[in-house]
Amino acid sequence: MLELKLEKLSPALRNLIVLEESSKASHKTICENVKSSQAPITEYAMRTLQHCNGGATLQAALWLKEHLKNGGKIMVTIAGALSSFQVGVMLAELIRKDKVHIISATGANHEESYYRYVAHSHYAYIPRYTELTPKQEAELRDTGLRRITDTFLPEDESVRILEPHLLKMWQTAQEKGERYFPHEYFRRLFSEGLIECDSAGNPNDSWAYAAWKHNVPIVIPGFEDSTMGNIFASYTYDGKYREDKSVILNQNIMKTGLEYFTSLYDWYMETAKDHPIAFLQLGGGIAADFPICAVPSLKHDLGLHGKVRDWAGFIEIGSSPMSYGSYSGAGGKEKITWDKLSTESYYQIIQSDATAVFPWIAAVLLDL
């Protein structure tokens, strides 16, 4: 009966449909391969992640795994407050295993990886945060508890620990007439031994530490939209509302987003000579919108049509659905119209929480 119904469909539509038996046969073959590699988590994913967002997660993970097997590279973009939510536990291991090759992070995510590194034992949580009243939120504020969803960032034990070290670097750069990217200043905290990992923490859980150790490139669009970016801006302000003018920094000691973007031109073109590059987006916003534009800019703004390799694939994990005016929910097909993706690029949208989805993808890529 099913076969007769399928025969009535157009060939294009019929080709989109996967029969249950075909799906089982395909998964059986994959599962047998997984068993031989002693990967129980991946095997469990094969059996259980079949439909909807679960199915999309497994499909994306398997595509990325094949992409890496064929010599591909992966860019990961980090939005929201994923570093405070300990994305580094997975991301750092992917870096160490050469599964991630460049990272675009908001200034907040980048610095929060360092905050976790120095102040892990000082973090606290409030799981039922949705039930807080405005009065309770103000009470938390007045006590110095800075809430990020269910997590409190320990400002005194993290931000204020790093600030004097970075300020000294900024002052030295100004004296010498030097300029660096934001992440280059931060990396000196590791290379010069200026900070120590919290006694209750694990340096292997810090993606920024792993990226420094393995020299993985980092892009930070909109650095000023972060706590340390705000602090840097305050040191460069010489207006009438600045009372303490003992330290005034020149903004020019910090390389800009424009320079990050042009550095992407070079990284992408050099890497794409020998490797297709996939795009794994965790959350929405500038962390992803910024670097994905490197490809269309190379084509249209630098006139390199026919000389630029398209993104091999685009996978987005985000909770913002496509709707009227919801730019963050823009799907992969819309990106084709902007030449950010081609019709040949693999794409998968997983409308869910990255803290729930990314661990599955990481497990598959790590053969767990």
Protein backbone atom coordinates (compact mmCIF):
# COMPACT_ATOMS: atom_id res chain seq x y z
CA MET A 1 0.00 0.00 0.00
CA LEU A 2 2.80 2.42 0.90
CA GLU A 3 4.57 1.75 -2.38
CA LEU A 4 1.43 2.61 -4.34
CA LYS A 5 1.06 5.89 -2.49
CA LEU A 6 4.70 6.80 -3.10
CA GLU A 7 4.33 6.12 -6.83
CA LYS A 8 1.69 8.86 -7.02
CA LEU A 9 4.20 11.47 -5.79
CA SER A 10 6.48 13.53 -7.99
CA PRO A 11 10.02 12.09 -8.24
CA ALA A 12 11.49 15.08 -6.41
CA LEU A 13 9.15 14.64 -3.44
CA ARG A 14 9.46 10.87 -3.45
CA ASN A 15 13.24 11.13 -3.17
CA LEU A 16 12.89 13.07 0.07
CA ILE A 17 11.15 10.21 1.83
CA VAL A 18 13.13 7.57 3.72
CA LEU A 19 11.44 4.24 4.38
CA GLU A 20 11.60 2.83 7.89
CA GLU A 21 13.31 -0.35 6.70
CA SER A 22 15.90 1.61 4.71
CA SER A 23 16.59 3.75 7.75
CA LYS A 24 17.01 0.71 9.96
CA ALA A 25 19.35 -0.95 7.48
CA SER A 26 21.49 2.16 7.23
CA HIS A 27 21.66 2.59 10.99
CA LYS A 28 22.40 -1.09 11.47
CA THR A 29 25.48 -0.79 9.27
CA ILE A 30 26.65 2.33 11.11
CA CYS A 31 25.94 0.77 14.52
CA GLU A 32 28.03 -2.27 13.64
CA ASN A 33 30.93 0.01 12.77
CA VAL A 34 30.46 1.94 15.97
CA LYS A 35 30.43 -1.20 18.11
CA SER A 36 33.77 -2.22 16.70
CA SER A 37 35.22 1.13 17.74
CA GLN A 38 33.99 0.79 21.34
CA ALA A 39 31.89 3.95 21.31
CA PRO A 40 28.87 3.23 23.55
CA ILE A 41 27.55 6.82 23.62
CA THR A 42 27.60 7.05 19.84
CA GLU A 43 25.98 3.63 19.59
CA TYR A 44 23.22 4.78 21.94
CA ALA A 45 22.77 7.94 19.86
CA MET A 46 22.37 5.80 16.75
CA ARG A 47 19.55 3.85 18.39
CA THR A 48 17.70 6.75 20.02
CA LEU A 49 18.24 9.98 18.06
CA GLN A 50 15.93 9.19 15.15
CA HIS A 51 13.43 12.00 14.85
CA CYS A 52 12.93 15.78 14.97
CA ASN A 53 15.75 17.67 16.70
CA GLY A 54 17.27 14.41 17.91
CA GLY A 55 17.42 13.10 14.37
CA ALA A 56 18.81 16.39 13.06
CA THR A 57 21.49 16.27 15.75
CA LEU A 58 22.62 12.79 14.78
CA GLN A 59 22.58 13.60 11.06
CA ALA A 60 24.69 16.72 11.66
CA ALA A 61 27.15 14.84 13.85
CA LEU A 62 27.59 12.07 11.30
CA TRP A 63 28.06 14.57 8.49
CA LEU A 64 30.73 16.43 10.48
CA LYS A 65 32.45 13.14 11.27
CA GLU A 66 32.59 12.24 7.58
CA HIS A 67 33.70 15.79 6.76
CA LEU A 68 36.69 15.44 9.09
CA LYS A 69 37.47 11.97 7.78
CA ASN A 70 37.72 13.45 4.29
CA GLY A 71 40.24 16.07 5.37
CA GLY A 72 37.81 18.84 6.22
CA LYS A 73 38.25 21.59 8.79
CA ILE A 74 35.66 23.00 11.22
CA MET A 75 34.97 26.50 12.45
CA VAL A 76 32.99 26.68 15.70
CA THR A 77 31.18 29.87 16.69
CA ILE A 78 30.13 30.45 20.30
CA ALA A 79 27.28 32.74 21.29
CA GLY A 80 25.28 33.41 24.45
CA ALA A 81 27.07 32.52 27.67
CA LEU A 82 28.21 29.05 26.69
CA SER A 83 31.63 29.43 28.30
CA SER A 84 30.01 30.15 31.65
CA PHE A 85 27.90 27.06 30.98
CA GLN A 86 31.12 25.03 30.64
CA VAL A 87 31.14 24.42 26.89
CA GLY A 88 34.91 24.13 27.33
CA VAL A 89 34.58 20.60 28.74
CA MET A 90 33.66 19.43 25.23
CA LEU A 91 35.22 22.11 23.05
CA ALA A 92 38.68 21.87 24.62
CA GLU A 93 38.78 18.13 24.00
CA LEU A 94 37.72 18.64 20.38
CA ILE A 95 40.59 21.12 20.00
CA ARG A 96 43.07 18.70 21.52
CA LYS A 97 41.91 15.95 19.15
CA ASP A 98 42.25 18.26 16.12
CA LYS A 99 38.52 18.36 15.43
CA VAL A 100 38.17 22.17 15.66
CA HIS A 101 40.45 24.48 13.72
CA ILE A 102 39.27 28.06 14.30
CA ILE A 103 36.89 29.66 16.79
CA SER A 104 34.74 32.78 16.58
CA ALA A 105 33.50 33.82 20.00
CA THR A 106 31.82 36.84 21.48
CA GLY A 107 34.07 38.85 23.77
CA ALA A 108 31.98 37.59 26.67
CA ASN A 109 32.44 33.91 25.80
CA HIS A 110 36.15 34.38 25.30
CA GLU A 111 36.75 36.12 28.62
CA GLU A 112 34.38 33.78 30.47
CA SER A 113 36.58 30.85 29.52
CA TYR A 114 39.36 32.62 31.45
CA TYR A 115 37.01 33.43 34.33
CA ARG A 116 36.12 29.76 34.65
CA TYR A 117 39.82 28.95 34.63
CA VAL A 118 40.69 31.19 37.59
CA ALA A 119 37.46 31.11 39.61
CA HIS A 120 35.71 27.78 39.03
CA SER A 121 35.08 27.09 42.72
CA HIS A 122 33.43 30.48 43.20
CA TYR A 123 30.55 29.85 40.77
CA ALA A 124 27.03 29.22 42.06
CA TYR A 125 23.73 28.30 40.43
CA ILE A 126 20.03 29.03 40.80
CA PRO A 127 18.16 26.36 38.80
CA ARG A 128 14.69 27.91 39.29
CA TYR A 129 15.77 31.31 37.99
CA THR A 130 12.54 31.81 36.04
CA GLU A 131 10.67 32.19 39.33
CA LEU A 132 12.72 35.15 40.59
CA THR A 133 10.89 38.41 41.18
CA PRO A 134 12.28 41.83 40.16
CA LYS A 135 12.84 42.56 43.86
CA GLN A 136 14.89 39.38 44.25
CA GLU A 137 16.90 40.25 41.14
CA ALA A 138 17.71 43.63 42.71
CA GLU A 139 18.71 41.85 45.91
CA LEU A 140 21.12 39.68 43.94
CA ARG A 141 22.51 42.79 42.23
CA ASP A 142 23.11 44.60 45.52
CA THR A 143 24.92 41.56 46.88
CA GLY A 144 27.23 41.49 43.85
CA LEU A 145 25.77 38.33 42.32
CA ARG A 146 25.78 38.72 38.53
CA ARG A 147 23.29 36.29 37.03
CA ILE A 148 23.63 34.67 33.60
CA THR A 149 20.49 32.53 33.22
CA ASP A 150 21.02 29.92 35.98
CA THR A 151 24.65 30.80 36.72
CA PHE A 152 26.27 33.49 38.87
CA LEU A 153 29.54 34.87 37.54
CA PRO A 154 31.94 35.61 40.43
CA GLU A 155 33.08 39.08 39.37
CA ASP A 156 35.47 39.78 42.26
CA GLU A 157 37.26 36.46 41.88
CA SER A 158 37.52 36.59 38.08
CA VAL A 159 37.13 39.95 36.35
CA ARG A 160 38.99 41.87 39.04
CA ILE A 161 41.78 39.28 39.11
CA LEU A 162 42.46 39.59 35.38
CA GLU A 163 41.99 43.35 35.05
CA PRO A 164 45.30 44.53 36.64
CA HIS A 165 47.33 42.11 34.51
CA LEU A 166 45.64 43.22 31.30
CA LEU A 167 45.87 46.89 32.23
CA LYS A 168 49.64 46.54 32.66
CA MET A 169 49.86 44.90 29.21
CA TRP A 170 47.80 47.71 27.66
CA GLN A 171 50.00 50.37 29.27
CA THR A 172 53.18 48.64 28.09
CA ALA A 173 51.79 48.35 24.55
CA GLN A 174 51.03 52.07 24.57
CA GLU A 175 54.54 52.92 25.76
CA LYS A 176 56.08 50.79 23.02
CA GLY A 177 53.63 51.81 20.29
CA GLU A 178 52.43 48.23 19.85
CA ARG A 179 49.03 46.86 18.84
CA TYR A 180 47.47 43.45 19.46
CA PHE A 181 44.18 41.63 19.05
CA PRO A 182 42.10 41.19 22.24
CA HIS A 183 42.79 37.45 22.39
CA GLU A 184 46.53 38.07 22.01
CA TYR A 185 46.58 40.12 25.19
CA PHE A 186 44.59 37.44 27.00
CA ARG A 187 46.85 34.64 25.82
CA ARG A 188 49.79 36.28 27.57
CA LEU A 189 48.02 35.49 30.85
CA PHE A 190 48.84 31.87 30.06
CA SER A 191 52.18 32.27 28.31
CA GLU A 192 53.63 34.55 31.01
CA GLY A 193 52.23 32.50 33.88
CA LEU A 194 50.22 35.40 35.28
CA ILE A 195 47.20 33.34 36.32
CA GLU A 196 46.65 29.94 37.89
CA CYS A 197 43.85 27.47 37.42
CA ASP A 198 41.42 27.37 40.33
CA SER A 199 42.19 24.52 42.71
CA ALA A 200 38.74 23.03 42.10
CA GLY A 201 38.96 23.50 38.35
CA ASN A 202 40.65 21.63 35.54
CA PRO A 203 42.76 23.45 32.93
CA ASN A 204 41.66 20.82 30.40
CA ASP A 205 38.11 22.18 30.69
CA SER A 206 39.12 25.60 29.35
CA TRP A 207 38.73 25.93 25.59
CA ALA A 208 40.76 29.18 25.61
CA TYR A 209 43.63 27.33 27.31
CA ALA A 210 43.43 24.50 24.76
CA ALA A 211 43.29 27.00 21.88
CA TRP A 212 46.41 28.72 23.23
CA LYS A 213 48.28 25.43 23.71
CA HIS A 214 47.43 24.27 20.18
CA ASN A 215 47.69 27.69 18.54
CA VAL A 216 44.11 27.59 17.24
CA PRO A 217 43.10 30.95 15.68
CA ILE A 218 40.45 32.98 17.50
CA VAL A 219 38.21 35.73 16.15
CA ILE A 220 36.36 38.05 18.55
CA PRO A 221 33.87 40.30 16.75
CA GLY A 222 32.53 43.19 18.83
CA PHE A 223 35.09 42.92 21.65
CA GLU A 224 33.71 46.08 23.24
CA ASP A 225 30.48 44.19 23.92
CA SER A 226 32.00 42.32 26.86
CA THR A 227 32.96 43.07 30.44
CA MET A 228 36.66 43.49 29.68
CA GLY A 229 35.79 45.35 26.49
CA ASN A 230 33.74 47.79 28.57
CA ILE A 231 36.65 48.15 30.99
CA PHE A 232 39.09 48.82 28.15
CA ALA A 233 36.71 51.42 26.71
CA SER A 234 36.57 53.16 30.08
CA TYR A 235 40.36 53.48 30.14
CA THR A 236 40.33 55.10 26.69
CA TYR A 237 37.65 57.66 27.57
CA ASP A 238 38.99 61.17 28.16
CA GLY A 239 35.68 63.03 28.16
CA LYS A 240 34.14 65.37 30.69
CA TYR A 241 32.61 62.53 32.70
CA ARG A 242 35.95 60.88 33.45
CA GLU A 243 37.03 62.08 36.88
CA ASP A 244 40.09 59.89 37.41
CA LYS A 245 42.48 60.57 34.53
CA SER A 246 45.53 58.87 35.98
CA VAL A 247 45.39 56.23 33.23
CA ILE A 248 44.27 57.17 29.73
CA LEU A 249 44.86 54.59 27.02
CA ASN A 250 44.95 55.03 23.27
CA GLN A 251 42.23 52.96 21.58
CA ASN A 252 44.70 52.17 18.81
CA ILE A 253 46.60 49.66 20.98
CA MET A 254 43.68 47.26 20.45
CA LYS A 255 43.30 45.80 16.98
CA THR A 256 39.76 46.06 15.69
CA GLY A 257 36.97 43.93 14.31
CA LEU A 258 37.86 45.10 10.81
CA GLU A 259 41.30 43.62 11.27
CA TYR A 260 39.82 40.39 12.59
CA PHE A 261 37.65 40.25 9.48
CA THR A 262 40.51 40.78 7.04
CA SER A 263 42.53 38.15 8.90
CA LEU A 264 39.69 35.77 8.05
CA TYR A 265 40.29 36.45 4.35
CA ASP A 266 43.82 35.09 4.69
CA TRP A 267 42.96 32.18 6.98
CA TYR A 268 40.06 31.04 4.84
CA MET A 269 41.83 31.26 1.49
CA GLU A 270 44.97 29.54 2.75
CA THR A 271 43.08 26.77 4.56
CA ALA A 272 40.57 26.21 1.77
CA LYS A 273 43.36 25.48 -0.73
CA ASP A 274 43.55 21.95 0.62
CA HIS A 275 40.55 21.54 2.92
CA PRO A 276 36.78 22.05 2.71
CA ILE A 277 35.62 24.09 5.70
CA ALA A 278 32.44 23.48 7.70
CA PHE A 279 30.64 25.94 9.94
CA LEU A 280 29.25 24.80 13.30
CA GLN A 281 27.22 27.57 14.92
CA LEU A 282 26.35 27.34 18.62
CA GLY A 283 23.68 29.98 19.18
CA GLY A 284 22.97 33.07 17.07
CA GLY A 285 24.28 36.60 16.84
CA ILE A 286 27.53 38.25 15.83
CA ALA A 287 29.81 35.33 16.71
CA ALA A 288 28.40 33.52 13.66
CA ASP A 289 27.09 36.31 11.45
CA PHE A 290 30.55 37.92 11.39
CA PRO A 291 32.76 35.06 10.13
CA ILE A 292 30.27 33.46 7.75
CA CYS A 293 30.36 36.67 5.71
CA ALA A 294 34.04 36.16 4.87
CA VAL A 295 33.13 33.95 1.91
CA PRO A 296 30.64 36.32 0.19
CA SER A 297 32.95 39.25 0.91
CA LEU A 298 35.85 37.48 -0.78
CA LYS A 299 33.61 36.82 -3.77
CA HIS A 300 31.81 40.14 -4.12
CA ASP A 301 33.94 42.76 -2.37
CA LEU A 302 37.34 41.47 -3.49
CA GLY A 303 36.04 40.24 -6.83
CA LEU A 304 37.27 36.67 -6.42
CA HIS A 305 34.31 34.93 -8.06
CA GLY A 306 35.27 31.43 -9.12
CA LYS A 307 38.36 31.46 -6.89
CA VAL A 308 36.71 31.02 -3.49
CA ARG A 309 35.69 27.67 -2.10
CA ASP A 310 32.18 27.72 -0.63
CA TRP A 311 31.52 26.73 2.95
CA ALA A 312 31.23 22.95 2.77
CA GLY A 313 28.46 22.83 5.32
CA PHE A 314 26.49 24.91 7.79
CA ILE A 315 25.06 23.54 11.03
CA GLU A 316 23.26 25.81 13.46
CA ILE A 317 22.08 24.97 16.96
CA GLY A 318 19.80 27.69 18.25
CA SER A 319 16.53 28.23 20.06
CA SER A 320 15.39 31.20 17.95
CA PRO A 321 12.78 29.94 15.47
CA MET A 322 12.39 31.40 12.00
CA SER A 323 9.64 34.01 12.23
CA TYR A 324 8.69 37.46 11.04
CA GLY A 325 11.69 39.70 11.59
CA SER A 326 13.67 37.12 13.58
CA TYR A 327 17.05 37.51 11.95
CA SER A 328 18.74 35.19 14.43
CA GLY A 329 16.42 32.46 13.24
CA ALA A 330 17.43 32.82 9.58
CA GLY A 331 17.80 29.37 8.06
CA GLY A 332 20.41 27.93 5.75
CA LYS A 333 18.30 28.45 2.62
CA GLU A 334 18.08 32.20 3.27
CA LYS A 335 21.87 32.32 3.46
CA ILE A 336 22.04 31.02 -0.11
CA THR A 337 20.49 34.30 -1.32
CA TRP A 338 23.39 36.21 0.27
CA ASP A 339 25.96 33.84 -1.24
CA LYS A 340 27.00 32.76 2.26
CA LEU A 341 26.18 29.18 1.30
CA SER A 342 25.87 27.45 -2.05
CA THR A 343 23.16 25.04 -3.17
CA GLU A 344 25.77 22.28 -2.74
CA SER A 345 26.56 23.13 0.90
CA TYR A 346 25.24 20.73 3.51
CA TYR A 347 23.02 22.51 6.01
CA GLN A 348 21.15 21.53 9.11
CA ILE A 349 19.19 23.68 11.55
CA ILE A 350 18.69 22.22 15.01
CA GLN A 351 16.18 24.32 16.91
CA SER A 352 17.17 23.49 20.44
CA ASP A 353 19.46 24.44 23.33
CA ALA A 354 23.14 24.13 22.48
CA THR A 355 23.87 22.94 26.02
CA ALA A 356 21.69 19.90 25.28
CA VAL A 357 22.66 19.27 21.65
CA PHE A 358 26.38 20.03 21.42
CA PRO A 359 27.42 17.27 23.88
CA TRP A 360 25.87 14.67 21.54
CA ILE A 361 27.73 16.07 18.52
CA ALA A 362 30.98 16.23 20.46
CA ALA A 363 30.56 12.63 21.65
CA VAL A 364 30.12 11.37 18.08
CA LEU A 365 33.12 13.34 16.82
CA LEU A 366 35.24 12.04 19.70
CA ASP A 367 34.16 8.40 19.13
CA LEU A 368 32.78 8.16 22.64
